[in-house]
Amino acid sequence: MSDTRVPSRVFRRADQDAETARTSGHDTPQTAHPAYRLAFQDMEFLLREDLRPVRFQLELLKPTLLLDEANIASLFVFYGSARIPEPAKAEAMLELADTPESRRIAERLVAKSKYYDVARELARTASCFARDADGKRHFVVCSGGGPSIMEAANRGAADAGCESVGLNIVLPHEQAPNEYVTPSLSFQFHYFALRKMHFLLRARAVAVFPGGFGTFDESFELLTLIQTGKIEPMPVLFYGREFWERVVNFEALCEEGVISPRDLKLFHFVETAEEGWEIVRDFYRERDDAPLE
C-alpha cells in the first residue's frame, strides 16, 4: 500500500467549470438568459444591492490572501496628503502662483514639501528590515497608493529595491496608483471601510504626515481604536508638530475634558526619518513578542 496515491480532490475546480461554461457552444433561449450564468461569473448578480455583504467579504478576503502569499506579516503604514508635492514641484507651483491667495497657499505647500523627502527616507529605512526566522516580512511599506506623500512612501521602498503595498480606492474623479507601488501588491477598493481595515490589520507602525480630511479620518480612527483598547498600542508618528498643533488644539481637548492627558501619549510628534525609526525600534525592543531584535 506504500505506492497508493489518494487524490487531493474529486470535484472539478471552479475555473474548469467556468471555462466549460464559457466554451460550451450551446445557444438556446435557456443558456442565453442571465439566470443561467454561473453565479460567480454574473456581474449583474454580484453588483445587486442585496449582494453588498458578499462584496464586503471579497474586499476583505482578496488582499488578505495575496498579502499572506507574499509573506507579509506586518506593515509600516504611511498616511498623508495627496496635495503636498516633492520640493521641486512645490517650487514650480510657487513660481506659477498669480494671485496673493494662491501664492500664500503655494508658500505653505513649499514649507511642507520637505516631508516628501522625510517620508521617502523613512520608507527606505523601514524597507531594509530583515525577514524573520520564518521568512516573513515586517514593516513592509504601505500607503494609500496615490500621489504626493503616498508616492514618497512607495518611492522610498523602491529606492531600497523593495516591494511596497498600495491601497487605492475608486473615486468619482480619475485616480491611478503611483508608479512606485509594486503591481502585485496594488489593490483597489470600493468600500472605504474595508480599505481602512486593511491599513490596520497588519500595521505595526504608522507615520502620519500633514494632510486633509482623509488623513484626519484615518489617523483619528487609529487613535480612537488604541484609546478604546480595540487594538494594541503601536508607534504612531505625527510628522510636523507646527502643522498639527496649528490645525488641532490637542491641549484644548484635554482642558475641555473630552480626552485624557494620557491620550496625548498615544502618539509622538517627530520631524526626521531617523527620529521616527528610533521610536519604532525602541517601542518593539521593550516587547516580548517584538519583531525587532
C-alpha atoms as a PDB file:
ATOM      1  CA  MET A   1       0.000   0.000   0.000  1.00  0.00           C
ATOM      2  CA  SER A   2       3.004   2.312   0.191  1.00  0.00           C
ATOM      3  CA  ASP A   3       2.555   3.187  -3.507  1.00  0.00           C
ATOM      4  CA  THR A   4      -1.118   4.057  -3.119  1.00  0.00           C
ATOM      5  CA  ARG A   5      -1.906   7.620  -4.117  1.00  0.00           C
ATOM      6  CA  VAL A   6      -5.082   9.260  -2.880  1.00  0.00           C
ATOM      7  CA  PRO A   7      -6.274  12.218  -4.993  1.00  0.00           C
ATOM      8  CA  SER A   8      -6.300  15.580  -3.266  1.00  0.00           C
ATOM      9  CA  ARG A   9      -9.754  16.387  -4.659  1.00  0.00           C
ATOM     10  CA  VAL A  10     -12.576  14.729  -6.543  1.00  0.00           C
ATOM     11  CA  PHE A  11     -14.702  17.725  -7.538  1.00  0.00           C
ATOM     12  CA  ARG A  12     -13.803  19.725 -10.620  1.00  0.00           C
ATOM     13  CA  ARG A  13     -12.247  23.117  -9.912  1.00  0.00           C
ATOM     14  CA  ALA A  14     -14.317  26.242 -10.340  1.00  0.00           C
ATOM     15  CA  ASP A  15     -12.026  27.554 -13.067  1.00  0.00           C
ATOM     16  CA  GLN A  16     -12.537  24.328 -15.059  1.00  0.00           C
ATOM     17  CA  ASP A  17     -16.312  24.624 -14.936  1.00  0.00           C
ATOM     18  CA  ALA A  18     -16.075  28.318 -15.708  1.00  0.00           C
ATOM     19  CA  GLU A  19     -14.116  27.537 -18.871  1.00  0.00           C
ATOM     20  CA  THR A  20     -16.551  24.785 -19.821  1.00  0.00           C
ATOM     21  CA  ALA A  21     -19.479  27.155 -19.386  1.00  0.00           C
ATOM     22  CA  ARG A  22     -17.732  29.789 -21.482  1.00  0.00           C
ATOM     23  CA  THR A  23     -16.942  27.477 -24.391  1.00  0.00           C
ATOM     24  CA  SER A  24     -19.945  25.137 -24.321  1.00  0.00           C
ATOM     25  CA  GLY A  25     -21.249  26.414 -27.672  1.00  0.00           C
ATOM     26  CA  HIS A  26     -24.892  25.947 -26.685  1.00  0.00           C
ATOM     27  CA  ASP A  27     -27.109  28.737 -27.951  1.00  0.00           C
ATOM     28  CA  THR A  28     -30.668  28.366 -26.731  1.00  0.00           C
ATOM     29  CA  PRO A  29     -33.102  30.731 -25.006  1.00  0.00           C
ATOM     30  CA  GLN A  30     -32.252  28.993 -21.748  1.00  0.00           C
ATOM     31  CA  THR A  31     -28.480  29.331 -21.998  1.00  0.00           C
ATOM     32  CA  ALA A  32     -28.755  32.913 -23.281  1.00  0.00           C
ATOM     33  CA  HIS A  33     -30.724  34.095 -20.277  1.00  0.00           C
ATOM     34  CA  PRO A  34     -28.760  35.760 -17.394  1.00  0.00           C
ATOM     35  CA  ALA A  35     -30.313  33.314 -14.944  1.00  0.00           C
ATOM     36  CA  TYR A  36     -28.204  30.546 -16.487  1.00  0.00           C
ATOM     37  CA  ARG A  37     -24.862  32.216 -15.829  1.00  0.00           C
ATOM     38  CA  LEU A  38     -22.638  30.764 -13.144  1.00  0.00           C
ATOM     39  CA  ALA A  39     -23.219  32.979 -10.117  1.00  0.00           C
ATOM     40  CA  PHE A  40     -19.543  33.897  -9.715  1.00  0.00           C
ATOM     41  CA  GLN A  41     -19.347  34.945 -13.391  1.00  0.00           C
ATOM     42  CA  ASP A  42     -22.515  37.026 -13.330  1.00  0.00           C
ATOM     43  CA  MET A  43     -21.512  40.652 -12.740  1.00  0.00           C
ATOM     44  CA  GLU A  44     -25.094  41.906 -12.788  1.00  0.00           C
ATOM     45  CA  PHE A  45     -25.856  39.482  -9.978  1.00  0.00           C
ATOM     46  CA  LEU A  46     -22.725  40.336  -7.972  1.00  0.00           C
ATOM     47  CA  LEU A  47     -23.482  44.058  -8.189  1.00  0.00           C
ATOM     48  CA  ARG A  48     -27.032  43.787  -6.847  1.00  0.00           C
ATOM     49  CA  GLU A  49     -27.778  45.855  -3.736  1.00  0.00           C
ATOM     50  CA  ASP A  50     -28.549  42.759  -1.672  1.00  0.00           C
ATOM     51  CA  LEU A  51     -25.133  41.266  -2.528  1.00  0.00           C
ATOM     52  CA  ARG A  52     -23.312  44.011  -0.606  1.00  0.00           C
ATOM     53  CA  PRO A  53     -22.345  41.602   2.249  1.00  0.00           C
ATOM     54  CA  VAL A  54     -20.694  39.318  -0.311  1.00  0.00           C
ATOM     55  CA  ARG A  55     -18.757  42.229  -1.817  1.00  0.00           C
ATOM     56  CA  PHE A  56     -17.615  43.181   1.687  1.00  0.00           C
ATOM     57  CA  GLN A  57     -16.272  39.666   2.132  1.00  0.00           C
ATOM     58  CA  LEU A  58     -14.476  39.757  -1.216  1.00  0.00           C
ATOM     59  CA  GLU A  59     -12.766  43.076  -0.448  1.00  0.00           C
ATOM     60  CA  LEU A  60     -11.671  41.720   2.917  1.00  0.00           C
ATOM     61  CA  LEU A  61     -10.508  38.391   1.528  1.00  0.00           C
ATOM     62  CA  LYS A  62      -8.636  39.268  -1.683  1.00  0.00           C
ATOM     63  CA  PRO A  63      -5.898  41.483  -0.153  1.00  0.00           C
ATOM     64  CA  THR A  64      -5.646  39.150   2.847  1.00  0.00           C
ATOM     65  CA  LEU A  65      -4.864  36.141   0.662  1.00  0.00           C
ATOM     66  CA  LEU A  66      -2.418  37.974  -1.590  1.00  0.00           C
ATOM     67  CA  LEU A  67      -0.544  39.570   1.328  1.00  0.00           C
ATOM     68  CA  ASP A  68      -0.334  36.162   3.013  1.00  0.00           C
ATOM     69  CA  GLU A  69       1.035  34.643  -0.196  1.00  0.00           C
ATOM     70  CA  ALA A  70       3.626  37.437  -0.330  1.00  0.00           C
ATOM     71  CA  ASN A  71       4.807  36.506   3.204  1.00  0.00           C
ATOM     72  CA  ILE A  72       3.934  39.956   4.544  1.00  0.00           C
ATOM     73  CA  ALA A  73       3.439  39.708   8.292  1.00  0.00           C
ATOM     74  CA  SER A  74       3.365  43.407   9.184  1.00  0.00           C
ATOM     75  CA  LEU A  75       3.119  46.824   7.568  1.00  0.00           C
ATOM     76  CA  PHE A  76       4.545  50.266   8.176  1.00  0.00           C
ATOM     77  CA  VAL A  77       1.602  52.433   7.150  1.00  0.00           C
ATOM     78  CA  PHE A  78       2.015  55.958   5.781  1.00  0.00           C
ATOM     79  CA  TYR A  79      -0.871  58.452   5.865  1.00  0.00           C
ATOM     80  CA  GLY A  80      -0.641  61.902   4.343  1.00  0.00           C
ATOM     81  CA  SER A  81      -1.898  64.442   1.871  1.00  0.00           C
ATOM     82  CA  ALA A  82      -2.329  63.822  -1.832  1.00  0.00           C
ATOM     83  CA  ARG A  83      -1.582  67.533  -2.368  1.00  0.00           C
ATOM     84  CA  ILE A  84       1.910  68.002  -0.929  1.00  0.00           C
ATOM     85  CA  PRO A  85       4.336  67.623  -3.849  1.00  0.00           C
ATOM     86  CA  GLU A  86       8.043  66.941  -3.757  1.00  0.00           C
ATOM     87  CA  PRO A  87      10.141  70.089  -3.209  1.00  0.00           C
ATOM     88  CA  ALA A  88      10.979  70.791  -6.866  1.00  0.00           C
ATOM     89  CA  LYS A  89       7.347  70.590  -7.915  1.00  0.00           C
ATOM     90  CA  ALA A  90       6.282  72.731  -4.967  1.00  0.00           C
ATOM     91  CA  GLU A  91       8.728  75.425  -6.026  1.00  0.00           C
ATOM     92  CA  ALA A  92       7.351  75.266  -9.559  1.00  0.00           C
ATOM     93  CA  MET A  93       3.827  75.762  -8.208  1.00  0.00           C
ATOM     94  CA  LEU A  94       5.028  78.812  -6.291  1.00  0.00           C
ATOM     95  CA  GLU A  95       6.512  80.315  -9.441  1.00  0.00           C
ATOM     96  CA  LEU A  96       3.205  79.850 -11.256  1.00  0.00           C
ATOM     97  CA  ALA A  97       1.081  81.396  -8.469  1.00  0.00           C
ATOM     98  CA  ASP A  98      -0.554  84.505  -9.910  1.00  0.00           C
ATOM     99  CA  THR A  99      -2.704  85.822  -7.043  1.00  0.00           C
ATOM    100  CA  PRO A 100      -1.871  86.695  -3.421  1.00  0.00           C
ATOM    101  CA  GLU A 101      -4.088  83.851  -2.179  1.00  0.00           C
ATOM    102  CA  SER A 102      -2.600  81.217  -4.486  1.00  0.00           C
ATOM    103  CA  ARG A 103       0.880  82.405  -3.570  1.00  0.00           C
ATOM    104  CA  ARG A 104       0.159  82.077   0.170  1.00  0.00           C
ATOM    105  CA  ILE A 105      -1.081  78.533  -0.351  1.00  0.00           C
ATOM    106  CA  ALA A 106       1.891  77.675  -2.568  1.00  0.00           C
ATOM    107  CA  GLU A 107       4.292  79.035   0.049  1.00  0.00           C
ATOM    108  CA  ARG A 108       2.769  76.803   2.701  1.00  0.00           C
ATOM    109  CA  LEU A 109       2.977  73.799   0.402  1.00  0.00           C
ATOM    110  CA  VAL A 110       6.645  74.591  -0.222  1.00  0.00           C
ATOM    111  CA  ALA A 111       7.205  74.647   3.552  1.00  0.00           C
ATOM    112  CA  LYS A 112       5.560  71.234   3.918  1.00  0.00           C
ATOM    113  CA  SER A 113       7.172  69.689   0.842  1.00  0.00           C
ATOM    114  CA  LYS A 114      10.201  68.710   2.941  1.00  0.00           C
ATOM    115  CA  TYR A 115       8.036  65.917   4.351  1.00  0.00           C
ATOM    116  CA  TYR A 116       8.008  64.273   0.927  1.00  0.00           C
ATOM    117  CA  ASP A 117      11.722  63.645   1.357  1.00  0.00           C
ATOM    118  CA  VAL A 118      11.274  62.642   5.006  1.00  0.00           C
ATOM    119  CA  ALA A 119       8.579  60.096   4.100  1.00  0.00           C
ATOM    120  CA  ARG A 120      10.751  58.730   1.322  1.00  0.00           C
ATOM    121  CA  GLU A 121      13.730  58.313   3.659  1.00  0.00           C
ATOM    122  CA  LEU A 122      11.655  56.704   6.420  1.00  0.00           C
ATOM    123  CA  ALA A 123      10.145  54.254   3.935  1.00  0.00           C
ATOM    124  CA  ARG A 124      13.584  53.388   2.590  1.00  0.00           C
ATOM    125  CA  THR A 125      14.829  52.660   6.116  1.00  0.00           C
ATOM    126  CA  ALA A 126      11.821  50.552   7.085  1.00  0.00           C
ATOM    127  CA  SER A 127      12.042  48.563   3.859  1.00  0.00           C
ATOM    128  CA  CYS A 128      15.534  47.363   4.731  1.00  0.00           C
ATOM    129  CA  PHE A 129      14.296  45.490   7.785  1.00  0.00           C
ATOM    130  CA  ALA A 130      15.275  41.818   7.556  1.00  0.00           C
ATOM    131  CA  ARG A 131      12.879  38.914   7.268  1.00  0.00           C
ATOM    132  CA  ASP A 132      12.245  36.892  10.413  1.00  0.00           C
ATOM    133  CA  ALA A 133      13.290  33.276  11.005  1.00  0.00           C
ATOM    134  CA  ASP A 134      10.166  32.029   9.211  1.00  0.00           C
ATOM    135  CA  GLY A 135      10.842  34.145   6.161  1.00  0.00           C
ATOM    136  CA  LYS A 136       8.058  36.595   6.971  1.00  0.00           C
ATOM    137  CA  ARG A 137       8.454  40.241   6.015  1.00  0.00           C
ATOM    138  CA  HIS A 138       7.919  43.010   8.570  1.00  0.00           C
ATOM    139  CA  PHE A 139       7.389  46.758   8.260  1.00  0.00           C
ATOM    140  CA  VAL A 140       6.584  46.482   4.565  1.00  0.00           C
ATOM    141  CA  VAL A 141       5.715  49.995   3.431  1.00  0.00           C
ATOM    142  CA  CYS A 142       2.032  50.599   2.763  1.00  0.00           C
ATOM    143  CA  SER A 143       0.373  53.777   1.510  1.00  0.00           C
ATOM    144  CA  GLY A 144      -2.938  54.787   0.001  1.00  0.00           C
ATOM    145  CA  GLY A 145      -1.284  54.280  -3.359  1.00  0.00           C
ATOM    146  CA  GLY A 146      -1.869  57.824  -4.593  1.00  0.00           C
ATOM    147  CA  PRO A 147       0.384  60.815  -5.277  1.00  0.00           C
ATOM    148  CA  SER A 148       2.462  63.129  -3.074  1.00  0.00           C
ATOM    149  CA  ILE A 149       3.188  61.789   0.439  1.00  0.00           C
ATOM    150  CA  MET A 150       1.806  58.397  -0.573  1.00  0.00           C
ATOM    151  CA  GLU A 151       4.058  58.357  -3.614  1.00  0.00           C
ATOM    152  CA  ALA A 152       7.034  59.302  -1.446  1.00  0.00           C
ATOM    153  CA  ALA A 153       6.453  56.245   0.755  1.00  0.00           C
ATOM    154  CA  ASN A 154       6.279  53.795  -2.141  1.00  0.00           C
ATOM    155  CA  ARG A 155       9.199  55.554  -3.807  1.00  0.00           C
ATOM    156  CA  GLY A 156      11.342  55.142  -0.711  1.00  0.00           C
ATOM    157  CA  ALA A 157      10.718  51.400  -0.747  1.00  0.00           C
ATOM    158  CA  ALA A 158      11.612  51.292  -4.438  1.00  0.00           C
ATOM    159  CA  ASP A 159      14.843  53.168  -3.663  1.00  0.00           C
ATOM    160  CA  ALA A 160      15.792  50.238  -1.426  1.00  0.00           C
ATOM    161  CA  GLY A 161      14.869  47.722  -4.124  1.00  0.00           C
ATOM    162  CA  CYS A 162      11.948  46.508  -2.038  1.00  0.00           C
ATOM    163  CA  GLU A 163       8.278  45.901  -2.661  1.00  0.00           C
ATOM    164  CA  SER A 164       5.539  48.073  -1.193  1.00  0.00           C
ATOM    165  CA  VAL A 165       1.769  47.998  -0.879  1.00  0.00           C
ATOM    166  CA  GLY A 166      -0.741  50.480  -2.278  1.00  0.00           C
ATOM    167  CA  LEU A 167      -4.374  50.541  -1.158  1.00  0.00           C
ATOM    168  CA  ASN A 168      -6.140  52.661  -3.745  1.00  0.00           C
ATOM    169  CA  ILE A 169      -9.849  53.452  -3.917  1.00  0.00           C
ATOM    170  CA  VAL A 170     -12.305  54.213  -6.697  1.00  0.00           C
ATOM    171  CA  LEU A 171     -13.241  57.889  -6.626  1.00  0.00           C
ATOM    172  CA  PRO A 172     -15.553  59.942  -8.879  1.00  0.00           C
ATOM    173  CA  HIS A 173     -12.534  61.783 -10.255  1.00  0.00           C
ATOM    174  CA  GLU A 174      -9.868  59.789 -12.048  1.00  0.00           C
ATOM    175  CA  GLN A 175      -7.203  58.291  -9.808  1.00  0.00           C
ATOM    176  CA  ALA A 176      -4.479  55.767 -10.521  1.00  0.00           C
ATOM    177  CA  PRO A 177      -1.790  54.143  -8.371  1.00  0.00           C
ATOM    178  CA  ASN A 178       1.542  55.921  -8.293  1.00  0.00           C
ATOM    179  CA  GLU A 179       4.281  54.325 -10.378  1.00  0.00           C
ATOM    180  CA  TYR A 180       6.262  53.060  -7.371  1.00  0.00           C
ATOM    181  CA  VAL A 181       3.639  50.685  -5.942  1.00  0.00           C
ATOM    182  CA  THR A 182       4.519  47.029  -6.544  1.00  0.00           C
ATOM    183  CA  PRO A 183       1.997  45.877  -9.190  1.00  0.00           C
ATOM    184  CA  SER A 184       1.258  42.576  -7.451  1.00  0.00           C
ATOM    185  CA  LEU A 185       0.598  44.472  -4.188  1.00  0.00           C
ATOM    186  CA  SER A 186      -1.545  47.226  -5.701  1.00  0.00           C
ATOM    187  CA  PHE A 187      -5.148  46.896  -4.560  1.00  0.00           C
ATOM    188  CA  GLN A 188      -8.269  48.826  -5.472  1.00  0.00           C
ATOM    189  CA  PHE A 189     -11.244  49.217  -3.142  1.00  0.00           C
ATOM    190  CA  HIS A 190     -14.860  50.244  -3.467  1.00  0.00           C
ATOM    191  CA  TYR A 191     -15.528  50.471   0.276  1.00  0.00           C
ATOM    192  CA  PHE A 192     -13.613  52.999   2.371  1.00  0.00           C
ATOM    193  CA  ALA A 193     -14.321  50.908   5.478  1.00  0.00           C
ATOM    194  CA  LEU A 194     -12.623  47.795   4.098  1.00  0.00           C
ATOM    195  CA  ARG A 195      -9.678  49.829   2.843  1.00  0.00           C
ATOM    196  CA  LYS A 196      -9.168  51.364   6.289  1.00  0.00           C
ATOM    197  CA  MET A 197      -9.422  47.919   7.881  1.00  0.00           C
ATOM    198  CA  HIS A 198      -6.631  46.618   5.652  1.00  0.00           C
ATOM    199  CA  PHE A 199      -4.437  49.565   6.604  1.00  0.00           C
ATOM    200  CA  LEU A 200      -4.616  48.485  10.249  1.00  0.00           C
ATOM    201  CA  LEU A 201      -4.954  44.693  10.237  1.00  0.00           C
ATOM    202  CA  ARG A 202      -1.195  44.277   9.740  1.00  0.00           C
ATOM    203  CA  ALA A 203       0.000  47.735  10.803  1.00  0.00           C
ATOM    204  CA  ARG A 204       2.745  47.668  13.420  1.00  0.00           C
ATOM    205  CA  ALA A 205       3.759  51.318  12.975  1.00  0.00           C
ATOM    206  CA  VAL A 206       2.024  54.310  11.413  1.00  0.00           C
ATOM    207  CA  ALA A 207       3.510  57.577  10.161  1.00  0.00           C
ATOM    208  CA  VAL A 208       1.010  60.428   9.805  1.00  0.00           C
ATOM    209  CA  PHE A 209       2.138  63.325   7.644  1.00  0.00           C
ATOM    210  CA  PRO A 210       0.289  66.624   7.162  1.00  0.00           C
ATOM    211  CA  GLY A 211      -2.963  66.078   5.333  1.00  0.00           C
ATOM    212  CA  GLY A 212      -6.619  66.908   4.979  1.00  0.00           C
ATOM    213  CA  PHE A 213      -9.938  65.182   5.598  1.00  0.00           C
ATOM    214  CA  GLY A 214      -8.727  61.725   4.534  1.00  0.00           C
ATOM    215  CA  THR A 215      -5.636  61.884   6.717  1.00  0.00           C
ATOM    216  CA  PHE A 216      -7.709  63.123   9.667  1.00  0.00           C
ATOM    217  CA  ASP A 217     -10.231  60.318   9.150  1.00  0.00           C
ATOM    218  CA  GLU A 218      -7.604  57.585   9.023  1.00  0.00           C
ATOM    219  CA  SER A 219      -5.335  58.837  11.810  1.00  0.00           C
ATOM    220  CA  PHE A 220      -8.025  59.751  14.322  1.00  0.00           C
ATOM    221  CA  GLU A 221      -9.800  56.459  13.801  1.00  0.00           C
ATOM    222  CA  LEU A 222      -6.476  54.782  14.618  1.00  0.00           C
ATOM    223  CA  LEU A 223      -6.093  56.862  17.796  1.00  0.00           C
ATOM    224  CA  THR A 224      -9.673  56.042  18.783  1.00  0.00           C
ATOM    225  CA  LEU A 225      -9.074  52.315  18.336  1.00  0.00           C
ATOM    226  CA  ILE A 226      -5.968  52.456  20.524  1.00  0.00           C
ATOM    227  CA  GLN A 227      -7.634  54.744  23.084  1.00  0.00           C
ATOM    228  CA  THR A 228     -10.606  52.388  23.461  1.00  0.00           C
ATOM    229  CA  GLY A 229      -8.487  49.243  23.588  1.00  0.00           C
ATOM    230  CA  LYS A 230      -9.869  47.807  20.363  1.00  0.00           C
ATOM    231  CA  ILE A 231      -6.320  47.378  19.072  1.00  0.00           C
ATOM    232  CA  GLU A 232      -2.989  47.117  20.838  1.00  0.00           C
ATOM    233  CA  PRO A 233      -0.810  50.247  21.089  1.00  0.00           C
ATOM    234  CA  MET A 234       1.738  50.766  18.355  1.00  0.00           C
ATOM    235  CA  PRO A 235       4.112  53.581  17.383  1.00  0.00           C
ATOM    236  CA  VAL A 236       2.086  56.436  15.875  1.00  0.00           C
ATOM    237  CA  LEU A 237       4.281  59.201  14.472  1.00  0.00           C
ATOM    238  CA  PHE A 238       2.774  62.613  13.704  1.00  0.00           C
ATOM    239  CA  TYR A 239       5.160  64.444  11.411  1.00  0.00           C
ATOM    240  CA  GLY A 240       5.163  68.237  11.642  1.00  0.00           C
ATOM    241  CA  ARG A 241       4.322  69.473  15.134  1.00  0.00           C
ATOM    242  CA  GLU A 242       3.828  73.021  13.815  1.00  0.00           C
ATOM    243  CA  PHE A 243       1.201  71.854  11.341  1.00  0.00           C
ATOM    244  CA  TRP A 244      -0.679  69.555  13.699  1.00  0.00           C
ATOM    245  CA  GLU A 245      -0.780  71.965  16.624  1.00  0.00           C
ATOM    246  CA  ARG A 246      -1.984  74.695  14.276  1.00  0.00           C
ATOM    247  CA  VAL A 247      -4.894  72.669  12.885  1.00  0.00           C
ATOM    248  CA  VAL A 248      -5.780  70.647  16.026  1.00  0.00           C
ATOM    249  CA  ASN A 249      -5.721  72.052  19.544  1.00  0.00           C
ATOM    250  CA  PHE A 250      -4.898  68.875  21.423  1.00  0.00           C
ATOM    251  CA  GLU A 251      -4.357  70.686  24.713  1.00  0.00           C
ATOM    252  CA  ALA A 252      -7.806  72.270  24.437  1.00  0.00           C
ATOM    253  CA  LEU A 253      -9.334  68.802  24.112  1.00  0.00           C
ATOM    254  CA  CYS A 254      -7.737  67.929  27.453  1.00  0.00           C
ATOM    255  CA  GLU A 255      -8.824  71.198  29.041  1.00  0.00           C
ATOM    256  CA  GLU A 256     -12.392  70.615  27.873  1.00  0.00           C
ATOM    257  CA  GLY A 257     -12.324  67.165  29.463  1.00  0.00           C
ATOM    258  CA  VAL A 258     -13.182  65.302  26.268  1.00  0.00           C
ATOM    259  CA  ILE A 259      -9.887  63.385  26.222  1.00  0.00           C
ATOM    260  CA  SER A 260      -7.499  62.420  28.996  1.00  0.00           C
ATOM    261  CA  PRO A 261      -3.974  63.852  29.297  1.00  0.00           C
ATOM    262  CA  ARG A 262      -2.696  60.292  28.926  1.00  0.00           C
ATOM    263  CA  ASP A 263      -4.315  60.150  25.473  1.00  0.00           C
ATOM    264  CA  LEU A 264      -1.681  62.616  24.288  1.00  0.00           C
ATOM    265  CA  LYS A 265       0.860  59.851  24.869  1.00  0.00           C
ATOM    266  CA  LEU A 266      -0.742  57.685  22.189  1.00  0.00           C
ATOM    267  CA  PHE A 267       1.347  59.415  19.539  1.00  0.00           C
ATOM    268  CA  HIS A 268       4.653  61.210  19.072  1.00  0.00           C
ATOM    269  CA  PHE A 269       5.464  64.442  17.280  1.00  0.00           C
ATOM    270  CA  VAL A 270       8.519  63.899  15.090  1.00  0.00           C
ATOM    271  CA  GLU A 271      10.386  65.671  12.314  1.00  0.00           C
ATOM    272  CA  THR A 272      13.026  63.364  10.851  1.00  0.00           C
ATOM    273  CA  ALA A 273      13.147  59.846   9.478  1.00  0.00           C
ATOM    274  CA  GLU A 274      15.864  58.894  11.960  1.00  0.00           C
ATOM    275  CA  GLU A 275      13.820  60.121  14.917  1.00  0.00           C
ATOM    276  CA  GLY A 276      10.739  58.231  13.777  1.00  0.00           C
ATOM    277  CA  TRP A 277      12.534  54.962  13.123  1.00  0.00           C
ATOM    278  CA  GLU A 278      14.253  55.116  16.508  1.00  0.00           C
ATOM    279  CA  ILE A 279      10.868  55.446  18.228  1.00  0.00           C
ATOM    280  CA  VAL A 280       9.671  52.343  16.375  1.00  0.00           C
ATOM    281  CA  ARG A 281      12.792  50.371  17.329  1.00  0.00           C
ATOM    282  CA  ASP A 282      12.612  51.447  20.969  1.00  0.00           C
ATOM    283  CA  PHE A 283       8.947  50.500  21.184  1.00  0.00           C
ATOM    284  CA  TYR A 284       9.497  46.953  19.970  1.00  0.00           C
ATOM    285  CA  ARG A 285      12.735  46.389  21.864  1.00  0.00           C
ATOM    286  CA  GLU A 286      10.673  46.601  25.035  1.00  0.00           C
ATOM    287  CA  ARG A 287       8.139  43.957  23.982  1.00  0.00           C
ATOM    288  CA  ASP A 288       8.458  40.209  24.391  1.00  0.00           C
ATOM    289  CA  ASP A 289       6.675  39.488  21.093  1.00  0.00           C
ATOM    290  CA  ALA A 290       8.605  42.097  19.171  1.00  0.00           C
ATOM    291  CA  PRO A 291       9.511  41.587  15.504  1.00  0.00           C
ATOM    292  CA  LEU A 292      12.669  43.607  16.168  1.00  0.00           C
ATOM    293  CA  GLU A 293      15.840  42.113  17.548  1.00  0.00           C
END
